[in-house]
Amino acid sequence: MIAKNQIINELDFIQNEYFQEILDFLEYLKHKQLKKIPETMLLSEKSLAKNWDTPEEDAAWADL
């Protein structure tokens, strides 16, 4: 598996003129990944956040 640091190190050998193309490709991959997340999960996240984002929940999950 390629480590994130390997990719970052490879950028040292790329000319600046290609950075926009690299960024475009990374954004394409991010979009492709987001399309795989079920829509219902994304839609319910905001409504469930009011129950999740509490000090009690933070304390309950602190040991994990």
C-alpha atoms as a PDB file:
ATOM      1  CA  MET A   1       0.000   0.000   0.000  1.00  0.00           C
ATOM      2  CA  ILE A   2       1.270   3.421  -0.912  1.00  0.00           C
ATOM      3  CA  ALA A   3       1.605   5.756   2.035  1.00  0.00           C
ATOM      4  CA  LYS A   4       0.318   9.305   1.893  1.00  0.00           C
ATOM      5  CA  ASN A   5       3.867  10.496   2.615  1.00  0.00           C
ATOM      6  CA  GLN A   6       5.129   8.770  -0.535  1.00  0.00           C
ATOM      7  CA  ILE A   7       2.674  10.734  -2.638  1.00  0.00           C
ATOM      8  CA  ILE A   8       3.603  13.963  -0.903  1.00  0.00           C
ATOM      9  CA  ASN A   9       7.311  13.268  -1.452  1.00  0.00           C
ATOM     10  CA  GLU A  10       6.736  12.646  -5.147  1.00  0.00           C
ATOM     11  CA  LEU A  11       5.357  16.174  -5.481  1.00  0.00           C
ATOM     12  CA  ASP A  12       8.915  17.458  -4.988  1.00  0.00           C
ATOM     13  CA  PHE A  13       9.762  16.077  -8.424  1.00  0.00           C
ATOM     14  CA  ILE A  14       6.784  17.576 -10.245  1.00  0.00           C
ATOM     15  CA  GLN A  15       6.947  20.946 -11.932  1.00  0.00           C
ATOM     16  CA  ASN A  16       4.578  23.583 -10.537  1.00  0.00           C
ATOM     17  CA  GLU A  17       2.745  23.830 -13.845  1.00  0.00           C
ATOM     18  CA  TYR A  18       1.232  20.370 -13.204  1.00  0.00           C
ATOM     19  CA  PHE A  19      -0.119  21.115  -9.724  1.00  0.00           C
ATOM     20  CA  GLN A  20      -3.517  22.282 -10.985  1.00  0.00           C
ATOM     21  CA  GLU A  21      -3.909  19.059 -12.950  1.00  0.00           C
ATOM     22  CA  ILE A  22      -2.985  17.030  -9.875  1.00  0.00           C
ATOM     23  CA  LEU A  23      -5.467  18.977  -7.766  1.00  0.00           C
ATOM     24  CA  ASP A  24      -8.183  18.420 -10.377  1.00  0.00           C
ATOM     25  CA  PHE A  25      -7.514  14.692 -10.306  1.00  0.00           C
ATOM     26  CA  LEU A  26      -7.615  14.588  -6.504  1.00  0.00           C
ATOM     27  CA  GLU A  27     -10.936  16.430  -6.515  1.00  0.00           C
ATOM     28  CA  TYR A  28     -12.269  13.942  -9.065  1.00  0.00           C
ATOM     29  CA  LEU A  29     -11.245  11.051  -6.798  1.00  0.00           C
ATOM     30  CA  LYS A  30     -12.837  12.722  -3.778  1.00  0.00           C
ATOM     31  CA  HIS A  31     -16.079  13.215  -5.691  1.00  0.00           C
ATOM     32  CA  LYS A  32     -15.996   9.600  -6.876  1.00  0.00           C
ATOM     33  CA  GLN A  33     -15.539   8.429  -3.283  1.00  0.00           C
ATOM     34  CA  LEU A  34     -18.390  10.598  -1.998  1.00  0.00           C
ATOM     35  CA  LYS A  35     -20.743   9.125  -4.588  1.00  0.00           C
ATOM     36  CA  LYS A  36     -20.293   5.742  -2.894  1.00  0.00           C
ATOM     37  CA  ILE A  37     -21.629   7.039   0.438  1.00  0.00           C
ATOM     38  CA  PRO A  38     -25.325   6.224   0.738  1.00  0.00           C
ATOM     39  CA  GLU A  39     -27.408   9.368   0.302  1.00  0.00           C
ATOM     40  CA  THR A  40     -29.567   8.590   3.341  1.00  0.00           C
ATOM     41  CA  MET A  41     -26.484   8.571   5.533  1.00  0.00           C
ATOM     42  CA  LEU A  42     -25.485  12.015   4.306  1.00  0.00           C
ATOM     43  CA  LEU A  43     -29.002  13.378   4.699  1.00  0.00           C
ATOM     44  CA  SER A  44     -29.437  12.064   8.233  1.00  0.00           C
ATOM     45  CA  GLU A  45     -26.068  13.302   9.483  1.00  0.00           C
ATOM     46  CA  LYS A  46     -27.278  16.820  10.317  1.00  0.00           C
ATOM     47  CA  SER A  47     -30.388  15.682  12.181  1.00  0.00           C
ATOM     48  CA  LEU A  48     -28.463  13.076  14.180  1.00  0.00           C
ATOM     49  CA  ALA A  49     -25.656  15.488  15.038  1.00  0.00           C
ATOM     50  CA  LYS A  50     -27.761  17.163  17.742  1.00  0.00           C
ATOM     51  CA  ASN A  51     -27.787  13.817  19.609  1.00  0.00           C
ATOM     52  CA  TRP A  52     -24.179  12.929  18.842  1.00  0.00           C
ATOM     53  CA  ASP A  53     -22.486  16.246  19.562  1.00  0.00           C
ATOM     54  CA  THR A  54     -22.985  16.317  23.314  1.00  0.00           C
ATOM     55  CA  PRO A  55     -20.572  16.178  26.258  1.00  0.00           C
ATOM     56  CA  GLU A  56     -22.312  12.969  27.406  1.00  0.00           C
ATOM     57  CA  GLU A  57     -21.636  11.263  24.075  1.00  0.00           C
ATOM     58  CA  ASP A  58     -18.029  12.448  24.091  1.00  0.00           C
ATOM     59  CA  ALA A  59     -17.557  10.973  27.567  1.00  0.00           C
ATOM     60  CA  ALA A  60     -19.194   7.685  26.554  1.00  0.00           C
ATOM     61  CA  TRP A  61     -16.825   7.257  23.587  1.00  0.00           C
ATOM     62  CA  ALA A  62     -13.676   8.659  25.213  1.00  0.00           C
ATOM     63  CA  ASP A  63     -12.199   5.225  25.999  1.00  0.00           C
ATOM     64  CA  LEU A  64     -12.386   3.943  22.428  1.00  0.00           C
END
